[in-house]
Amino acid sequence: MQKLQHYVLFPNHDNAMRLYKELKSLGVRATIAPTPRVLSTCCGVSLLIEEKDVDAVRACVKEHGIEILKIKAIERDINPRRDRYC
């Protein structure tokens, strides 16, 4: 069973940094991450959040008027042999 990763997608990096700051002040864990190209080609930065925090993130976005594109989940794509040639 694949684990899902939840990404918050943004139209620009300013909104990503604003949300990151607000989530940290609330104690919600978020990681700044490159946006997976399967999700969007707009902004290169996204926030990686845990599934249990999706509702808290949506509430924070609404409360602070931060513009996001969407919150999207994709299957975790970790390949330990990526970039290994031997």
PDB file of N, CA and C in Angstrom:
ATOM      1  N   MET A   1       0.838  -1.179   0.000  1.00  0.00           N
ATOM      2  CA  MET A   1       0.000   0.000   0.000  1.00  0.00           C
ATOM      3  C   MET A   1       0.885   1.246   0.000  1.00  0.00           C
ATOM      4  N   GLN A   2       0.675   2.108  -0.976  1.00  0.00           N
ATOM      5  CA  GLN A   2       1.450   3.322  -1.102  1.00  0.00           C
ATOM      6  C   GLN A   2       0.965   4.380  -0.111  1.00  0.00           C
ATOM      7  N   LYS A   3       1.888   5.112   0.425  1.00  0.00           N
ATOM      8  CA  LYS A   3       1.561   6.222   1.313  1.00  0.00           C
ATOM      9  C   LYS A   3       1.299   7.463   0.458  1.00  0.00           C
ATOM     10  N   LEU A   4       0.296   8.254   0.847  1.00  0.00           N
ATOM     11  CA  LEU A   4      -0.012   9.479   0.123  1.00  0.00           C
ATOM     12  C   LEU A   4       0.749  10.652   0.727  1.00  0.00           C
ATOM     13  N   GLN A   5       1.156  11.565  -0.145  1.00  0.00           N
ATOM     14  CA  GLN A   5       1.761  12.814   0.274  1.00  0.00           C
ATOM     15  C   GLN A   5       0.815  13.933  -0.130  1.00  0.00           C
ATOM     16  N   HIS A   6       0.592  14.875   0.768  1.00  0.00           N
ATOM     17  CA  HIS A   6      -0.337  15.979   0.530  1.00  0.00           C
ATOM     18  C   HIS A   6       0.442  17.266   0.298  1.00  0.00           C
ATOM     19  N   TYR A   7       0.161  17.907  -0.825  1.00  0.00           N
ATOM     20  CA  TYR A   7       0.840  19.136  -1.218  1.00  0.00           C
ATOM     21  C   TYR A   7      -0.158  20.283  -1.285  1.00  0.00           C
ATOM     22  N   VAL A   8       0.263  21.446  -0.788  1.00  0.00           N
ATOM     23  CA  VAL A   8      -0.501  22.678  -0.968  1.00  0.00           C
ATOM     24  C   VAL A   8       0.166  23.398  -2.128  1.00  0.00           C
ATOM     25  N   LEU A   9      -0.620  23.695  -3.175  1.00  0.00           N
ATOM     26  CA  LEU A   9      -0.091  24.326  -4.372  1.00  0.00           C
ATOM     27  C   LEU A   9      -0.466  25.800  -4.412  1.00  0.00           C
ATOM     28  N   PHE A  10       0.433  26.616  -4.922  1.00  0.00           N
ATOM     29  CA  PHE A  10       0.287  28.067  -4.888  1.00  0.00           C
ATOM     30  C   PHE A  10       0.484  28.691  -6.268  1.00  0.00           C
ATOM     31  N   PRO A  11      -0.096  29.890  -6.471  1.00  0.00           N
ATOM     32  CA  PRO A  11       0.152  30.605  -7.720  1.00  0.00           C
ATOM     33  C   PRO A  11       1.517  31.305  -7.726  1.00  0.00           C
ATOM     34  N   ASN A  12       2.084  31.542  -6.519  1.00  0.00           N
ATOM     35  CA  ASN A  12       3.404  32.177  -6.425  1.00  0.00           C
ATOM     36  C   ASN A  12       4.045  31.842  -5.075  1.00  0.00           C
ATOM     37  N   HIS A  13       5.337  32.100  -4.972  1.00  0.00           N
ATOM     38  CA  HIS A  13       6.060  31.710  -3.758  1.00  0.00           C
ATOM     39  C   HIS A  13       5.734  32.597  -2.559  1.00  0.00           C
ATOM     40  N   ASP A  14       5.270  33.823  -2.781  1.00  0.00           N
ATOM     41  CA  ASP A  14       4.922  34.699  -1.659  1.00  0.00           C
ATOM     42  C   ASP A  14       3.814  34.100  -0.798  1.00  0.00           C
ATOM     43  N   ASN A  15       2.794  33.565  -1.449  1.00  0.00           N
ATOM     44  CA  ASN A  15       1.704  32.930  -0.706  1.00  0.00           C
ATOM     45  C   ASN A  15       2.185  31.689   0.037  1.00  0.00           C
ATOM     46  N   ALA A  16       3.098  30.953  -0.565  1.00  0.00           N
ATOM     47  CA  ALA A  16       3.647  29.764   0.096  1.00  0.00           C
ATOM     48  C   ALA A  16       4.372  30.151   1.378  1.00  0.00           C
ATOM     49  N   MET A  17       5.176  31.204   1.318  1.00  0.00           N
ATOM     50  CA  MET A  17       5.924  31.637   2.496  1.00  0.00           C
ATOM     51  C   MET A  17       4.998  32.199   3.573  1.00  0.00           C
ATOM     52  N   ARG A  18       3.958  32.905   3.169  1.00  0.00           N
ATOM     53  CA  ARG A  18       2.981  33.424   4.143  1.00  0.00           C
ATOM     54  C   ARG A  18       2.301  32.278   4.882  1.00  0.00           C
ATOM     55  N   LEU A  19       1.831  31.278   4.117  1.00  0.00           N
ATOM     56  CA  LEU A  19       1.151  30.151   4.754  1.00  0.00           C
ATOM     57  C   LEU A  19       2.108  29.370   5.643  1.00  0.00           C
ATOM     58  N   TYR A  20       3.324  29.170   5.178  1.00  0.00           N
ATOM     59  CA  TYR A  20       4.322  28.452   5.971  1.00  0.00           C
ATOM     60  C   TYR A  20       4.507  29.131   7.331  1.00  0.00           C
ATOM     61  N   LYS A  21       4.652  30.447   7.310  1.00  0.00           N
ATOM     62  CA  LYS A  21       4.832  31.216   8.544  1.00  0.00           C
ATOM     63  C   LYS A  21       3.626  31.068   9.475  1.00  0.00           C
ATOM     64  N   GLU A  22       2.416  31.170   8.920  1.00  0.00           N
ATOM     65  CA  GLU A  22       1.200  31.048   9.740  1.00  0.00           C
ATOM     66  C   GLU A  22       1.052  29.651  10.320  1.00  0.00           C
ATOM     67  N   LEU A  23       1.357  28.624   9.533  1.00  0.00           N
ATOM     68  CA  LEU A  23       1.247  27.248  10.027  1.00  0.00           C
ATOM     69  C   LEU A  23       2.248  26.998  11.153  1.00  0.00           C
ATOM     70  N   LYS A  24       3.453  27.510  11.007  1.00  0.00           N
ATOM     71  CA  LYS A  24       4.459  27.342  12.058  1.00  0.00           C
ATOM     72  C   LYS A  24       4.002  27.998  13.354  1.00  0.00           C
ATOM     73  N   SER A  25       3.373  29.176  13.243  1.00  0.00           N
ATOM     74  CA  SER A  25       2.911  29.851  14.462  1.00  0.00           C
ATOM     75  C   SER A  25       1.777  29.078  15.137  1.00  0.00           C
ATOM     76  N   LEU A  26       1.041  28.277  14.363  1.00  0.00           N
ATOM     77  CA  LEU A  26      -0.030  27.440  14.923  1.00  0.00           C
ATOM     78  C   LEU A  26       0.470  26.079  15.410  1.00  0.00           C
ATOM     79  N   GLY A  27       1.718  25.766  15.099  1.00  0.00           N
ATOM     80  CA  GLY A  27       2.270  24.469  15.479  1.00  0.00           C
ATOM     81  C   GLY A  27       1.916  23.361  14.512  1.00  0.00           C
ATOM     82  N   VAL A  28       1.495  23.714  13.297  1.00  0.00           N
ATOM     83  CA  VAL A  28       1.173  22.724  12.271  1.00  0.00           C
ATOM     84  C   VAL A  28       2.437  22.453  11.468  1.00  0.00           C
ATOM     85  N   ARG A  29       2.787  21.199  11.339  1.00  0.00           N
ATOM     86  CA  ARG A  29       4.007  20.822  10.631  1.00  0.00           C
ATOM     87  C   ARG A  29       3.817  20.971   9.123  1.00  0.00           C
ATOM     88  N   ALA A  30       4.744  21.670   8.490  1.00  0.00           N
ATOM     89  CA  ALA A  30       4.738  21.839   7.039  1.00  0.00           C
ATOM     90  C   ALA A  30       6.188  21.890   6.575  1.00  0.00           C
ATOM     91  N   THR A  31       6.434  21.347   5.393  1.00  0.00           N
ATOM     92  CA  THR A  31       7.772  21.344   4.821  1.00  0.00           C
ATOM     93  C   THR A  31       7.729  22.020   3.464  1.00  0.00           C
ATOM     94  N   ILE A  32       8.635  22.960   3.245  1.00  0.00           N
ATOM     95  CA  ILE A  32       8.740  23.596   1.936  1.00  0.00           C
ATOM     96  C   ILE A  32       9.360  22.575   0.986  1.00  0.00           C
ATOM     97  N   ALA A  33       8.707  22.365  -0.156  1.00  0.00           N
ATOM     98  CA  ALA A  33       9.148  21.327  -1.082  1.00  0.00           C
ATOM     99  C   ALA A  33       8.968  21.791  -2.522  1.00  0.00           C
ATOM    100  N   PRO A  34       9.753  21.220  -3.441  1.00  0.00           N
ATOM    101  CA  PRO A  34       9.505  21.512  -4.844  1.00  0.00           C
ATOM    102  C   PRO A  34       8.142  20.948  -5.254  1.00  0.00           C
ATOM    103  N   THR A  35       7.448  21.656  -6.121  1.00  0.00           N
ATOM    104  CA  THR A  35       6.147  21.176  -6.589  1.00  0.00           C
ATOM    105  C   THR A  35       6.346  20.030  -7.568  1.00  0.00           C
ATOM    106  N   PRO A  36       5.736  18.880  -7.307  1.00  0.00           N
ATOM    107  CA  PRO A  36       5.825  17.782  -8.285  1.00  0.00           C
ATOM    108  C   PRO A  36       5.192  18.210  -9.610  1.00  0.00           C
ATOM    109  N   ARG A  37       5.865  17.982 -10.702  1.00  0.00           N
ATOM    110  CA  ARG A  37       5.376  18.407 -12.012  1.00  0.00           C
ATOM    111  C   ARG A  37       4.087  17.707 -12.421  1.00  0.00           C
ATOM    112  N   VAL A  38       3.794  16.566 -11.819  1.00  0.00           N
ATOM    113  CA  VAL A  38       2.523  15.900 -12.122  1.00  0.00           C
ATOM    114  C   VAL A  38       1.336  16.667 -11.549  1.00  0.00           C
ATOM    115  N   LEU A  39       1.598  17.566 -10.587  1.00  0.00           N
ATOM    116  CA  LEU A  39       0.527  18.336  -9.964  1.00  0.00           C
ATOM    117  C   LEU A  39       0.356  19.715 -10.574  1.00  0.00           C
ATOM    118  N   SER A  40       1.467  20.391 -10.879  1.00  0.00           N
ATOM    119  CA  SER A  40       1.370  21.757 -11.386  1.00  0.00           C
ATOM    120  C   SER A  40       2.694  22.187 -12.005  1.00  0.00           C
ATOM    121  N   THR A  41       2.580  23.073 -12.982  1.00  0.00           N
ATOM    122  CA  THR A  41       3.781  23.680 -13.560  1.00  0.00           C
ATOM    123  C   THR A  41       3.817  25.171 -13.270  1.00  0.00           C
ATOM    124  N   CYS A  42       2.875  25.663 -12.472  1.00  0.00           N
ATOM    125  CA  CYS A  42       2.797  27.106 -12.192  1.00  0.00           C
ATOM    126  C   CYS A  42       3.933  27.582 -11.302  1.00  0.00           C
ATOM    127  N   CYS A  43       3.901  27.230 -10.066  1.00  0.00           N
ATOM    128  CA  CYS A  43       4.879  27.718  -9.093  1.00  0.00           C
ATOM    129  C   CYS A  43       5.772  26.549  -8.690  1.00  0.00           C
ATOM    130  N   GLY A  44       7.045  26.790  -8.550  1.00  0.00           N
ATOM    131  CA  GLY A  44       7.976  25.711  -8.238  1.00  0.00           C
ATOM    132  C   GLY A  44       8.027  25.316  -6.780  1.00  0.00           C
ATOM    133  N   VAL A  45       7.314  26.051  -5.927  1.00  0.00           N
ATOM    134  CA  VAL A  45       7.354  25.746  -4.500  1.00  0.00           C
ATOM    135  C   VAL A  45       5.964  25.343  -4.002  1.00  0.00           C
ATOM    136  N   SER A  46       5.955  24.397  -3.089  1.00  0.00           N
ATOM    137  CA  SER A  46       4.705  23.948  -2.476  1.00  0.00           C
ATOM    138  C   SER A  46       4.998  23.637  -1.016  1.00  0.00           C
ATOM    139  N   LEU A  47       3.942  23.340  -0.276  1.00  0.00           N
ATOM    140  CA  LEU A  47       4.113  22.903   1.108  1.00  0.00           C
ATOM    141  C   LEU A  47       3.651  21.460   1.212  1.00  0.00           C
ATOM    142  N   LEU A  48       4.472  20.656   1.802  1.00  0.00           N
ATOM    143  CA  LEU A  48       4.152  19.253   2.059  1.00  0.00           C
ATOM    144  C   LEU A  48       3.587  19.182   3.468  1.00  0.00           C
ATOM    145  N   ILE A  49       2.361  18.667   3.575  1.00  0.00           N
ATOM    146  CA  ILE A  49       1.689  18.596   4.876  1.00  0.00           C
ATOM    147  C   ILE A  49       1.226  17.174   5.138  1.00  0.00           C
ATOM    148  N   GLU A  50       0.874  16.916   6.378  1.00  0.00           N
ATOM    149  CA  GLU A  50       0.357  15.600   6.740  1.00  0.00           C
ATOM    150  C   GLU A  50      -1.158  15.564   6.538  1.00  0.00           C
ATOM    151  N   GLU A  51      -1.670  14.398   6.256  1.00  0.00           N
ATOM    152  CA  GLU A  51      -3.104  14.237   5.990  1.00  0.00           C
ATOM    153  C   GLU A  51      -3.956  14.729   7.155  1.00  0.00           C
ATOM    154  N   LYS A  52      -3.511  14.477   8.361  1.00  0.00           N
ATOM    155  CA  LYS A  52      -4.285  14.872   9.547  1.00  0.00           C
ATOM    156  C   LYS A  52      -4.400  16.390   9.692  1.00  0.00           C
ATOM    157  N   ASP A  53      -3.540  17.148   8.994  1.00  0.00           N
ATOM    158  CA  ASP A  53      -3.526  18.600   9.116  1.00  0.00           C
ATOM    159  C   ASP A  53      -4.255  19.324   7.983  1.00  0.00           C
ATOM    160  N   VAL A  54      -4.846  18.602   7.046  1.00  0.00           N
ATOM    161  CA  VAL A  54      -5.484  19.228   5.884  1.00  0.00           C
ATOM    162  C   VAL A  54      -6.576  20.212   6.307  1.00  0.00           C
ATOM    163  N   ASP A  55      -7.422  19.826   7.243  1.00  0.00           N
ATOM    164  CA  ASP A  55      -8.501  20.719   7.681  1.00  0.00           C
ATOM    165  C   ASP A  55      -7.954  21.971   8.367  1.00  0.00           C
ATOM    166  N   ALA A  56      -6.907  21.805   9.168  1.00  0.00           N
ATOM    167  CA  ALA A  56      -6.293  22.954   9.841  1.00  0.00           C
ATOM    168  C   ALA A  56      -5.662  23.901   8.823  1.00  0.00           C
ATOM    169  N   VAL A  57      -5.069  23.352   7.780  1.00  0.00           N
ATOM    170  CA  VAL A  57      -4.469  24.177   6.730  1.00  0.00           C
ATOM    171  C   VAL A  57      -5.557  24.954   5.994  1.00  0.00           C
ATOM    172  N   ARG A  58      -6.651  24.291   5.653  1.00  0.00           N
ATOM    173  CA  ARG A  58      -7.758  24.974   4.963  1.00  0.00           C
ATOM    174  C   ARG A  58      -8.322  26.111   5.821  1.00  0.00           C
ATOM    175  N   ALA A  59      -8.447  25.866   7.116  1.00  0.00           N
ATOM    176  CA  ALA A  59      -8.954  26.901   8.020  1.00  0.00           C
ATOM    177  C   ALA A  59      -7.985  28.086   8.089  1.00  0.00           C
ATOM    178  N   CYS A  60      -6.699  27.814   8.126  1.00  0.00           N
ATOM    179  CA  CYS A  60      -5.690  28.865   8.180  1.00  0.00           C
ATOM    180  C   CYS A  60      -5.708  29.691   6.893  1.00  0.00           C
ATOM    181  N   VAL A  61      -5.846  29.018   5.760  1.00  0.00           N
ATOM    182  CA  VAL A  61      -5.913  29.699   4.463  1.00  0.00           C
ATOM    183  C   VAL A  61      -7.103  30.658   4.435  1.00  0.00           C
ATOM    184  N   LYS A  62      -8.237  30.172   4.904  1.00  0.00           N
ATOM    185  CA  LYS A  62      -9.452  30.992   4.905  1.00  0.00           C
ATOM    186  C   LYS A  62      -9.328  32.170   5.876  1.00  0.00           C
ATOM    187  N   GLU A  63      -8.822  31.893   7.065  1.00  0.00           N
ATOM    188  CA  GLU A  63      -8.719  32.922   8.098  1.00  0.00           C
ATOM    189  C   GLU A  63      -7.788  34.065   7.689  1.00  0.00           C
ATOM    190  N   HIS A  64      -6.687  33.727   7.026  1.00  0.00           N
ATOM    191  CA  HIS A  64      -5.677  34.733   6.697  1.00  0.00           C
ATOM    192  C   HIS A  64      -5.764  35.216   5.246  1.00  0.00           C
ATOM    193  N   GLY A  65      -6.725  34.703   4.483  1.00  0.00           N
ATOM    194  CA  GLY A  65      -6.914  35.158   3.108  1.00  0.00           C
ATOM    195  C   GLY A  65      -5.726  34.870   2.207  1.00  0.00           C
ATOM    196  N   ILE A  66      -5.118  33.719   2.391  1.00  0.00           N
ATOM    197  CA  ILE A  66      -3.959  33.332   1.585  1.00  0.00           C
ATOM    198  C   ILE A  66      -4.457  32.584   0.345  1.00  0.00           C
ATOM    199  N   GLU A  67      -3.973  32.994  -0.807  1.00  0.00           N
ATOM    200  CA  GLU A  67      -4.404  32.378  -2.061  1.00  0.00           C
ATOM    201  C   GLU A  67      -3.621  31.087  -2.320  1.00  0.00           C
ATOM    202  N   ILE A  68      -4.363  30.000  -2.504  1.00  0.00           N
ATOM    203  CA  ILE A  68      -3.758  28.729  -2.901  1.00  0.00           C
ATOM    204  C   ILE A  68      -4.479  28.252  -4.156  1.00  0.00           C
ATOM    205  N   LEU A  69      -3.844  27.355  -4.880  1.00  0.00           N
ATOM    206  CA  LEU A  69      -4.504  26.748  -6.035  1.00  0.00           C
ATOM    207  C   LEU A  69      -5.352  25.560  -5.591  1.00  0.00           C
ATOM    208  N   LYS A  70      -4.739  24.661  -4.809  1.00  0.00           N
ATOM    209  CA  LYS A  70      -5.455  23.488  -4.302  1.00  0.00           C
ATOM    210  C   LYS A  70      -4.574  22.722  -3.336  1.00  0.00           C
ATOM    211  N   ILE A  71      -5.188  21.794  -2.654  1.00  0.00           N
ATOM    212  CA  ILE A  71      -4.462  20.825  -1.836  1.00  0.00           C
ATOM    213  C   ILE A  71      -4.674  19.487  -2.521  1.00  0.00           C
ATOM    214  N   LYS A  72      -3.590  18.846  -2.892  1.00  0.00           N
ATOM    215  CA  LYS A  72      -3.683  17.631  -3.704  1.00  0.00           C
ATOM    216  C   LYS A  72      -2.821  16.531  -3.100  1.00  0.00           C
ATOM    217  N   ALA A  73      -3.313  15.318  -3.149  1.00  0.00           N
ATOM    218  CA  ALA A  73      -2.565  14.159  -2.654  1.00  0.00           C
ATOM    219  C   ALA A  73      -2.105  13.304  -3.831  1.00  0.00           C
ATOM    220  N   ILE A  74      -0.866  12.846  -3.751  1.00  0.00           N
ATOM    221  CA  ILE A  74      -0.346  11.915  -4.744  1.00  0.00           C
ATOM    222  C   ILE A  74       0.351  10.785  -4.003  1.00  0.00           C
ATOM    223  N   GLU A  75       0.536   9.678  -4.707  1.00  0.00           N
ATOM    224  CA  GLU A  75       1.248   8.564  -4.096  1.00  0.00           C
ATOM    225  C   GLU A  75       2.711   8.930  -3.933  1.00  0.00           C
ATOM    226  N   ARG A  76       3.248   8.530  -2.817  1.00  0.00           N
ATOM    227  CA  ARG A  76       4.650   8.791  -2.534  1.00  0.00           C
ATOM    228  C   ARG A  76       5.510   8.069  -3.560  1.00  0.00           C
ATOM    229  N   ASP A  77       6.450   8.787  -4.150  1.00  0.00           N
ATOM    230  CA  ASP A  77       7.286   8.223  -5.212  1.00  0.00           C
ATOM    231  C   ASP A  77       8.751   8.275  -4.783  1.00  0.00           C
ATOM    232  N   ILE A  78       9.116   7.360  -3.913  1.00  0.00           N
ATOM    233  CA  ILE A  78      10.486   7.290  -3.441  1.00  0.00           C
ATOM    234  C   ILE A  78      11.162   6.098  -4.106  1.00  0.00           C
ATOM    235  N   ASN A  79      12.196   6.394  -4.865  1.00  0.00           N
ATOM    236  CA  ASN A  79      12.964   5.356  -5.533  1.00  0.00           C
ATOM    237  C   ASN A  79      14.395   5.421  -5.001  1.00  0.00           C
ATOM    238  N   PRO A  80      14.773   4.501  -4.122  1.00  0.00           N
ATOM    239  CA  PRO A  80      16.106   4.564  -3.526  1.00  0.00           C
ATOM    240  C   PRO A  80      17.225   4.361  -4.540  1.00  0.00           C
ATOM    241  N   ARG A  81      16.900   3.841  -5.737  1.00  0.00           N
ATOM    242  CA  ARG A  81      17.921   3.617  -6.758  1.00  0.00           C
ATOM    243  C   ARG A  81      17.999   4.764  -7.765  1.00  0.00           C
ATOM    244  N   ARG A  82      17.176   5.791  -7.567  1.00  0.00           N
ATOM    245  CA  ARG A  82      17.215   6.943  -8.481  1.00  0.00           C
ATOM    246  C   ARG A  82      18.597   7.587  -8.434  1.00  0.00           C
ATOM    247  N   ASP A  83      19.084   7.957  -9.578  1.00  0.00           N
ATOM    248  CA  ASP A  83      20.391   8.602  -9.740  1.00  0.00           C
ATOM    249  C   ASP A  83      21.547   7.714  -9.330  1.00  0.00           C
ATOM    250  N   ARG A  84      21.351   6.407  -9.347  1.00  0.00           N
ATOM    251  CA  ARG A  84      22.435   5.463  -9.115  1.00  0.00           C
ATOM    252  C   ARG A  84      22.695   4.756 -10.441  1.00  0.00           C
ATOM    253  N   TYR A  85      23.927   4.707 -10.816  1.00  0.00           N
ATOM    254  CA  TYR A  85      24.248   4.161 -12.121  1.00  0.00           C
ATOM    255  C   TYR A  85      25.119   2.923 -12.036  1.00  0.00           C
ATOM    256  N   CYS A  86      25.417   2.474 -10.855  1.00  0.00           N
ATOM    257  CA  CYS A  86      26.250   1.286 -10.693  1.00  0.00           C
ATOM    258  C   CYS A  86      25.519   0.219  -9.918  1.00  0.00           C
TER     259      CYS A  86
END
